[in-house]
Amino acid sequence: MYLSGFGIKCFGLISQSKDEVASLDPQLERQVETIRNLVDSYLKIVHKTQRDIVPKTIMHLIVNEVCHYFYFVIASLTFAS
């Protein structure tokens, strides 16, 4: 049994259904649900941060390359004449 899409195996709970596990220990079930919510929130933050940073990084690299190109073109034209 894997947690939803995270590739984490749940050992010892494979043969039991979710209802059986919940009825065994309600406090444990609440803790598991809290951890699942925290992990889900963390992954949402990471995903949002990556969506925000990647375009900014690409634009930064493009602008820096253009600046370096124009600097060398202007310098070579200045020193050539």
PDB file of N, CA and C in Angstrom:
ATOM      1  N   MET A   1       0.852  -1.180   0.000  1.00  0.00           N
ATOM      2  CA  MET A   1       0.000   0.000   0.000  1.00  0.00           C
ATOM      3  C   MET A   1       0.893   1.237   0.000  1.00  0.00           C
ATOM      4  N   TYR A   2       0.607   2.185  -0.862  1.00  0.00           N
ATOM      5  CA  TYR A   2       1.383   3.411  -0.970  1.00  0.00           C
ATOM      6  C   TYR A   2       0.533   4.607  -0.573  1.00  0.00           C
ATOM      7  N   LEU A   3       1.191   5.611   0.030  1.00  0.00           N
ATOM      8  CA  LEU A   3       0.496   6.869   0.262  1.00  0.00           C
ATOM      9  C   LEU A   3       0.279   7.514  -1.092  1.00  0.00           C
ATOM     10  N   SER A   4      -0.736   8.289  -1.205  1.00  0.00           N
ATOM     11  CA  SER A   4      -1.185   8.799  -2.490  1.00  0.00           C
ATOM     12  C   SER A   4      -0.082   9.516  -3.260  1.00  0.00           C
ATOM     13  N   GLY A   5       0.570   8.798  -4.159  1.00  0.00           N
ATOM     14  CA  GLY A   5       1.504   9.394  -5.095  1.00  0.00           C
ATOM     15  C   GLY A   5       2.869   9.739  -4.542  1.00  0.00           C
ATOM     16  N   PHE A   6       3.166   9.400  -3.296  1.00  0.00           N
ATOM     17  CA  PHE A   6       4.447   9.783  -2.734  1.00  0.00           C
ATOM     18  C   PHE A   6       5.445   8.634  -2.748  1.00  0.00           C
ATOM     19  N   GLY A   7       5.015   7.419  -3.079  1.00  0.00           N
ATOM     20  CA  GLY A   7       5.915   6.284  -3.128  1.00  0.00           C
ATOM     21  C   GLY A   7       6.353   5.814  -1.748  1.00  0.00           C
ATOM     22  N   ILE A   8       5.556   6.051  -0.712  1.00  0.00           N
ATOM     23  CA  ILE A   8       5.899   5.649   0.647  1.00  0.00           C
ATOM     24  C   ILE A   8       5.079   4.417   0.993  1.00  0.00           C
ATOM     25  N   LYS A   9       5.778   3.354   1.364  1.00  0.00           N
ATOM     26  CA  LYS A   9       5.072   2.127   1.728  1.00  0.00           C
ATOM     27  C   LYS A   9       4.594   2.197   3.161  1.00  0.00           C
ATOM     28  N   CYS A  10       3.394   1.711   3.391  1.00  0.00           N
ATOM     29  CA  CYS A  10       2.838   1.625   4.742  1.00  0.00           C
ATOM     30  C   CYS A  10       2.943   0.171   5.186  1.00  0.00           C
ATOM     31  N   PHE A  11       3.980  -0.170   5.894  1.00  0.00           N
ATOM     32  CA  PHE A  11       4.184  -1.547   6.331  1.00  0.00           C
ATOM     33  C   PHE A  11       3.254  -1.872   7.485  1.00  0.00           C
ATOM     34  N   GLY A  12       2.759  -3.066   7.499  1.00  0.00           N
ATOM     35  CA  GLY A  12       1.914  -3.528   8.582  1.00  0.00           C
ATOM     36  C   GLY A  12       0.444  -3.183   8.404  1.00  0.00           C
ATOM     37  N   LEU A  13       0.110  -2.311   7.495  1.00  0.00           N
ATOM     38  CA  LEU A  13      -1.277  -1.912   7.290  1.00  0.00           C
ATOM     39  C   LEU A  13      -1.824  -2.429   5.962  1.00  0.00           C
ATOM     40  N   ILE A  14      -1.060  -3.276   5.310  1.00  0.00           N
ATOM     41  CA  ILE A  14      -1.430  -3.715   3.962  1.00  0.00           C
ATOM     42  C   ILE A  14      -2.709  -4.539   3.975  1.00  0.00           C
ATOM     43  N   SER A  15      -2.876  -5.421   4.956  1.00  0.00           N
ATOM     44  CA  SER A  15      -4.039  -6.307   4.945  1.00  0.00           C
ATOM     45  C   SER A  15      -5.259  -5.686   5.616  1.00  0.00           C
ATOM     46  N   GLN A  16      -5.107  -4.507   6.242  1.00  0.00           N
ATOM     47  CA  GLN A  16      -6.228  -3.894   6.940  1.00  0.00           C
ATOM     48  C   GLN A  16      -6.798  -2.759   6.107  1.00  0.00           C
ATOM     49  N   SER A  17      -8.092  -2.607   6.183  1.00  0.00           N
ATOM     50  CA  SER A  17      -8.716  -1.490   5.484  1.00  0.00           C
ATOM     51  C   SER A  17      -8.581  -0.234   6.333  1.00  0.00           C
ATOM     52  N   LYS A  18      -8.907   0.894   5.769  1.00  0.00           N
ATOM     53  CA  LYS A  18      -8.798   2.176   6.475  1.00  0.00           C
ATOM     54  C   LYS A  18      -9.749   2.230   7.677  1.00  0.00           C
ATOM     55  N   ASP A  19     -10.924   1.644   7.537  1.00  0.00           N
ATOM     56  CA  ASP A  19     -11.886   1.648   8.636  1.00  0.00           C
ATOM     57  C   ASP A  19     -11.382   0.827   9.827  1.00  0.00           C
ATOM     58  N   GLU A  20     -10.736  -0.313   9.541  1.00  0.00           N
ATOM     59  CA  GLU A  20     -10.204  -1.144  10.612  1.00  0.00           C
ATOM     60  C   GLU A  20      -9.092  -0.418  11.362  1.00  0.00           C
ATOM     61  N   VAL A  21      -8.234   0.285  10.635  1.00  0.00           N
ATOM     62  CA  VAL A  21      -7.145   1.023  11.267  1.00  0.00           C
ATOM     63  C   VAL A  21      -7.711   2.162  12.097  1.00  0.00           C
ATOM     64  N   ALA A  22      -8.707   2.858  11.590  1.00  0.00           N
ATOM     65  CA  ALA A  22      -9.305   3.981  12.313  1.00  0.00           C
ATOM     66  C   ALA A  22      -9.974   3.509  13.597  1.00  0.00           C
ATOM     67  N   SER A  23     -10.575   2.350  13.565  1.00  0.00           N
ATOM     68  CA  SER A  23     -11.273   1.876  14.756  1.00  0.00           C
ATOM     69  C   SER A  23     -10.306   1.365  15.815  1.00  0.00           C
ATOM     70  N   LEU A  24      -9.068   1.034  15.420  1.00  0.00           N
ATOM     71  CA  LEU A  24      -8.115   0.534  16.396  1.00  0.00           C
ATOM     72  C   LEU A  24      -7.624   1.635  17.335  1.00  0.00           C
ATOM     73  N   ASP A  25      -7.255   2.779  16.790  1.00  0.00           N
ATOM     74  CA  ASP A  25      -6.695   3.838  17.627  1.00  0.00           C
ATOM     75  C   ASP A  25      -7.060   5.203  17.020  1.00  0.00           C
ATOM     76  N   PRO A  26      -8.072   5.870  17.552  1.00  0.00           N
ATOM     77  CA  PRO A  26      -8.493   7.150  16.988  1.00  0.00           C
ATOM     78  C   PRO A  26      -7.414   8.231  17.088  1.00  0.00           C
ATOM     79  N   GLN A  27      -6.636   8.199  18.173  1.00  0.00           N
ATOM     80  CA  GLN A  27      -5.572   9.198  18.318  1.00  0.00           C
ATOM     81  C   GLN A  27      -4.519   9.013  17.238  1.00  0.00           C
ATOM     82  N   LEU A  28      -4.147   7.774  16.956  1.00  0.00           N
ATOM     83  CA  LEU A  28      -3.179   7.488  15.901  1.00  0.00           C
ATOM     84  C   LEU A  28      -3.718   7.932  14.544  1.00  0.00           C
ATOM     85  N   GLU A  29      -4.993   7.682  14.312  1.00  0.00           N
ATOM     86  CA  GLU A  29      -5.613   8.093  13.038  1.00  0.00           C
ATOM     87  C   GLU A  29      -5.575   9.611  12.883  1.00  0.00           C
ATOM     88  N   ARG A  30      -5.847  10.347  13.970  1.00  0.00           N
ATOM     89  CA  ARG A  30      -5.775  11.815  13.910  1.00  0.00           C
ATOM     90  C   ARG A  30      -4.360  12.285  13.628  1.00  0.00           C
ATOM     91  N   GLN A  31      -3.371  11.626  14.247  1.00  0.00           N
ATOM     92  CA  GLN A  31      -1.980  11.996  14.010  1.00  0.00           C
ATOM     93  C   GLN A  31      -1.578  11.731  12.561  1.00  0.00           C
ATOM     94  N   VAL A  32      -2.014  10.591  12.044  1.00  0.00           N
ATOM     95  CA  VAL A  32      -1.714  10.255  10.645  1.00  0.00           C
ATOM     96  C   VAL A  32      -2.357  11.274   9.708  1.00  0.00           C
ATOM     97  N   GLU A  33      -3.599  11.625   9.975  1.00  0.00           N
ATOM     98  CA  GLU A  33      -4.293  12.607   9.138  1.00  0.00           C
ATOM     99  C   GLU A  33      -3.615  13.971   9.209  1.00  0.00           C
ATOM    100  N   THR A  34      -3.163  14.361  10.414  1.00  0.00           N
ATOM    101  CA  THR A  34      -2.444  15.633  10.575  1.00  0.00           C
ATOM    102  C   THR A  34      -1.160  15.627   9.769  1.00  0.00           C
ATOM    103  N   ILE A  35      -0.411  14.529   9.843  1.00  0.00           N
ATOM    104  CA  ILE A  35       0.844  14.427   9.086  1.00  0.00           C
ATOM    105  C   ILE A  35       0.567  14.461   7.591  1.00  0.00           C
ATOM    106  N   ARG A  36      -0.472  13.768   7.150  1.00  0.00           N
ATOM    107  CA  ARG A  36      -0.834  13.800   5.726  1.00  0.00           C
ATOM    108  C   ARG A  36      -1.170  15.219   5.279  1.00  0.00           C
ATOM    109  N   ASN A  37      -1.917  15.947   6.101  1.00  0.00           N
ATOM    110  CA  ASN A  37      -2.264  17.326   5.755  1.00  0.00           C
ATOM    111  C   ASN A  37      -1.026  18.214   5.707  1.00  0.00           C
ATOM    112  N   LEU A  38      -0.106  18.023   6.653  1.00  0.00           N
ATOM    113  CA  LEU A  38       1.124  18.813   6.664  1.00  0.00           C
ATOM    114  C   LEU A  38       1.984  18.529   5.430  1.00  0.00           C
ATOM    115  N   VAL A  39       2.116  17.253   5.087  1.00  0.00           N
ATOM    116  CA  VAL A  39       2.902  16.886   3.902  1.00  0.00           C
ATOM    117  C   VAL A  39       2.250  17.450   2.648  1.00  0.00           C
ATOM    118  N   ASP A  40       0.936  17.354   2.562  1.00  0.00           N
ATOM    119  CA  ASP A  40       0.219  17.892   1.408  1.00  0.00           C
ATOM    120  C   ASP A  40       0.410  19.404   1.296  1.00  0.00           C
ATOM    121  N   SER A  41       0.326  20.105   2.423  1.00  0.00           N
ATOM    122  CA  SER A  41       0.534  21.556   2.420  1.00  0.00           C
ATOM    123  C   SER A  41       1.960  21.899   2.000  1.00  0.00           C
ATOM    124  N   TYR A  42       2.921  21.149   2.511  1.00  0.00           N
ATOM    125  CA  TYR A  42       4.321  21.384   2.166  1.00  0.00           C
ATOM    126  C   TYR A  42       4.548  21.196   0.666  1.00  0.00           C
ATOM    127  N   LEU A  43       4.007  20.125   0.115  1.00  0.00           N
ATOM    128  CA  LEU A  43       4.195  19.864  -1.317  1.00  0.00           C
ATOM    129  C   LEU A  43       3.510  20.930  -2.172  1.00  0.00           C
ATOM    130  N   LYS A  44       2.375  21.447  -1.724  1.00  0.00           N
ATOM    131  CA  LYS A  44       1.725  22.538  -2.451  1.00  0.00           C
ATOM    132  C   LYS A  44       2.591  23.791  -2.442  1.00  0.00           C
ATOM    133  N   ILE A  45       3.210  24.086  -1.295  1.00  0.00           N
ATOM    134  CA  ILE A  45       4.097  25.249  -1.203  1.00  0.00           C
ATOM    135  C   ILE A  45       5.311  25.067  -2.111  1.00  0.00           C
ATOM    136  N   VAL A  46       5.899  23.877  -2.112  1.00  0.00           N
ATOM    137  CA  VAL A  46       7.058  23.610  -2.964  1.00  0.00           C
ATOM    138  C   VAL A  46       6.678  23.760  -4.428  1.00  0.00           C
ATOM    139  N   HIS A  47       5.540  23.225  -4.816  1.00  0.00           N
ATOM    140  CA  HIS A  47       5.092  23.313  -6.206  1.00  0.00           C
ATOM    141  C   HIS A  47       4.869  24.772  -6.615  1.00  0.00           C
ATOM    142  N   LYS A  48       4.225  25.542  -5.755  1.00  0.00           N
ATOM    143  CA  LYS A  48       3.971  26.954  -6.050  1.00  0.00           C
ATOM    144  C   LYS A  48       5.276  27.738  -6.151  1.00  0.00           C
ATOM    145  N   THR A  49       6.225  27.446  -5.261  1.00  0.00           N
ATOM    146  CA  THR A  49       7.515  28.122  -5.284  1.00  0.00           C
ATOM    147  C   THR A  49       8.265  27.804  -6.565  1.00  0.00           C
ATOM    148  N   GLN A  50       8.256  26.555  -6.993  1.00  0.00           N
ATOM    149  CA  GLN A  50       8.926  26.186  -8.237  1.00  0.00           C
ATOM    150  C   GLN A  50       8.276  26.870  -9.435  1.00  0.00           C
ATOM    151  N   ARG A  51       6.941  26.917  -9.459  1.00  0.00           N
ATOM    152  CA  ARG A  51       6.253  27.598 -10.560  1.00  0.00           C
ATOM    153  C   ARG A  51       6.605  29.073 -10.592  1.00  0.00           C
ATOM    154  N   ASP A  52       6.898  29.658  -9.440  1.00  0.00           N
ATOM    155  CA  ASP A  52       7.241  31.072  -9.349  1.00  0.00           C
ATOM    156  C   ASP A  52       8.702  31.322  -9.719  1.00  0.00           C
ATOM    157  N   ILE A  53       9.609  30.461  -9.265  1.00  0.00           N
ATOM    158  CA  ILE A  53      11.042  30.712  -9.420  1.00  0.00           C
ATOM    159  C   ILE A  53      11.553  30.375 -10.817  1.00  0.00           C
ATOM    160  N   VAL A  54      11.058  29.331 -11.436  1.00  0.00           N
ATOM    161  CA  VAL A  54      11.613  28.886 -12.724  1.00  0.00           C
ATOM    162  C   VAL A  54      11.510  29.962 -13.807  1.00  0.00           C
ATOM    163  N   PRO A  55      10.366  30.591 -14.045  1.00  0.00           N
ATOM    164  CA  PRO A  55      10.336  31.644 -15.076  1.00  0.00           C
ATOM    165  C   PRO A  55      11.239  32.829 -14.735  1.00  0.00           C
ATOM    166  N   LYS A  56      11.318  33.179 -13.451  1.00  0.00           N
ATOM    167  CA  LYS A  56      12.180  34.289 -13.049  1.00  0.00           C
ATOM    168  C   LYS A  56      13.647  33.956 -13.310  1.00  0.00           C
ATOM    169  N   THR A  57      14.032  32.725 -13.037  1.00  0.00           N
ATOM    170  CA  THR A  57      15.411  32.303 -13.269  1.00  0.00           C
ATOM    171  C   THR A  57      15.737  32.309 -14.756  1.00  0.00           C
ATOM    172  N   ILE A  58      14.827  31.825 -15.576  1.00  0.00           N
ATOM    173  CA  ILE A  58      15.040  31.815 -17.023  1.00  0.00           C
ATOM    174  C   ILE A  58      15.190  33.232 -17.549  1.00  0.00           C
ATOM    175  N   MET A  59      14.319  34.138 -17.121  1.00  0.00           N
ATOM    176  CA  MET A  59      14.419  35.538 -17.563  1.00  0.00           C
ATOM    177  C   MET A  59      15.720  36.176 -17.081  1.00  0.00           C
ATOM    178  N   HIS A  60      16.136  35.873 -15.876  1.00  0.00           N
ATOM    179  CA  HIS A  60      17.385  36.403 -15.347  1.00  0.00           C
ATOM    180  C   HIS A  60      18.563  35.963 -16.216  1.00  0.00           C
ATOM    181  N   LEU A  61      18.601  34.683 -16.567  1.00  0.00           N
ATOM    182  CA  LEU A  61      19.691  34.169 -17.402  1.00  0.00           C
ATOM    183  C   LEU A  61      19.670  34.796 -18.793  1.00  0.00           C
ATOM    184  N   ILE A  62      18.485  34.945 -19.374  1.00  0.00           N
ATOM    185  CA  ILE A  62      18.389  35.557 -20.710  1.00  0.00           C
ATOM    186  C   ILE A  62      18.854  37.002 -20.676  1.00  0.00           C
ATOM    187  N   VAL A  63      18.391  37.766 -19.700  1.00  0.00           N
ATOM    188  CA  VAL A  63      18.778  39.178 -19.606  1.00  0.00           C
ATOM    189  C   VAL A  63      20.278  39.306 -19.379  1.00  0.00           C
ATOM    190  N   ASN A  64      20.856  38.482 -18.534  1.00  0.00           N
ATOM    191  CA  ASN A  64      22.302  38.546 -18.302  1.00  0.00           C
ATOM    192  C   ASN A  64      23.087  38.217 -19.561  1.00  0.00           C
ATOM    193  N   GLU A  65      22.651  37.212 -20.309  1.00  0.00           N
ATOM    194  CA  GLU A  65      23.347  36.865 -21.550  1.00  0.00           C
ATOM    195  C   GLU A  65      23.262  38.000 -22.568  1.00  0.00           C
ATOM    196  N   VAL A  66      22.090  38.626 -22.681  1.00  0.00           N
ATOM    197  CA  VAL A  66      21.930  39.755 -23.612  1.00  0.00           C
ATOM    198  C   VAL A  66      22.811  40.920 -23.181  1.00  0.00           C
ATOM    199  N   CYS A  67      22.859  41.200 -21.884  1.00  0.00           N
ATOM    200  CA  CYS A  67      23.718  42.285 -21.378  1.00  0.00           C
ATOM    201  C   CYS A  67      25.183  42.012 -21.691  1.00  0.00           C
ATOM    202  N   HIS A  68      25.630  40.787 -21.456  1.00  0.00           N
ATOM    203  CA  HIS A  68      27.024  40.442 -21.752  1.00  0.00           C
ATOM    204  C   HIS A  68      27.303  40.548 -23.248  1.00  0.00           C
ATOM    205  N   TYR A  69      26.364  40.099 -24.070  1.00  0.00           N
ATOM    206  CA  TYR A  69      26.539  40.177 -25.526  1.00  0.00           C
ATOM    207  C   TYR A  69      26.676  41.626 -25.973  1.00  0.00           C
ATOM    208  N   PHE A  70      25.752  42.494 -25.535  1.00  0.00           N
ATOM    209  CA  PHE A  70      25.820  43.895 -25.930  1.00  0.00           C
ATOM    210  C   PHE A  70      27.065  44.576 -25.386  1.00  0.00           C
ATOM    211  N   TYR A  71      27.495  44.210 -24.197  1.00  0.00           N
ATOM    212  CA  TYR A  71      28.711  44.796 -23.649  1.00  0.00           C
ATOM    213  C   TYR A  71      29.895  44.478 -24.543  1.00  0.00           C
ATOM    214  N   PHE A  72      30.022  43.224 -24.982  1.00  0.00           N
ATOM    215  CA  PHE A  72      31.155  42.849 -25.835  1.00  0.00           C
ATOM    216  C   PHE A  72      31.017  43.453 -27.228  1.00  0.00           C
ATOM    217  N   VAL A  73      29.801  43.561 -27.753  1.00  0.00           N
ATOM    218  CA  VAL A  73      29.608  44.178 -29.074  1.00  0.00           C
ATOM    219  C   VAL A  73      29.965  45.647 -29.015  1.00  0.00           C
ATOM    220  N   ILE A  74      29.487  46.367 -28.020  1.00  0.00           N
ATOM    221  CA  ILE A  74      29.768  47.790 -27.886  1.00  0.00           C
ATOM    222  C   ILE A  74      31.259  48.013 -27.622  1.00  0.00           C
ATOM    223  N   ALA A  75      31.848  47.162 -26.783  1.00  0.00           N
ATOM    224  CA  ALA A  75      33.284  47.299 -26.497  1.00  0.00           C
ATOM    225  C   ALA A  75      34.102  47.044 -27.752  1.00  0.00           C
ATOM    226  N   SER A  76      33.743  46.029 -28.526  1.00  0.00           N
ATOM    227  CA  SER A  76      34.512  45.724 -29.734  1.00  0.00           C
ATOM    228  C   SER A  76      34.333  46.826 -30.780  1.00  0.00           C
ATOM    229  N   LEU A  77      33.133  47.425 -30.896  1.00  0.00           N
ATOM    230  CA  LEU A  77      32.923  48.534 -31.829  1.00  0.00           C
ATOM    231  C   LEU A  77      33.674  49.778 -31.382  1.00  0.00           C
ATOM    232  N   THR A  78      33.727  50.006 -30.091  1.00  0.00           N
ATOM    233  CA  THR A  78      34.419  51.184 -29.562  1.00  0.00           C
ATOM    234  C   THR A  78      35.919  51.075 -29.798  1.00  0.00           C
ATOM    235  N   PHE A  79      36.486  49.921 -29.514  1.00  0.00           N
ATOM    236  CA  PHE A  79      37.914  49.753 -29.666  1.00  0.00           C
ATOM    237  C   PHE A  79      38.325  49.548 -31.101  1.00  0.00           C
ATOM    238  N   ALA A  80      37.423  49.136 -31.965  1.00  0.00           N
ATOM    239  CA  ALA A  80      37.742  48.941 -33.383  1.00  0.00           C
ATOM    240  C   ALA A  80      37.837  50.275 -34.118  1.00  0.00           C
ATOM    241  N   SER A  81      37.118  51.284 -33.639  1.00  0.00           N
ATOM    242  CA  SER A  81      37.148  52.555 -34.373  1.00  0.00           C
ATOM    243  C   SER A  81      38.081  53.560 -33.765  1.00  0.00           C
TER     244      SER A  81
END
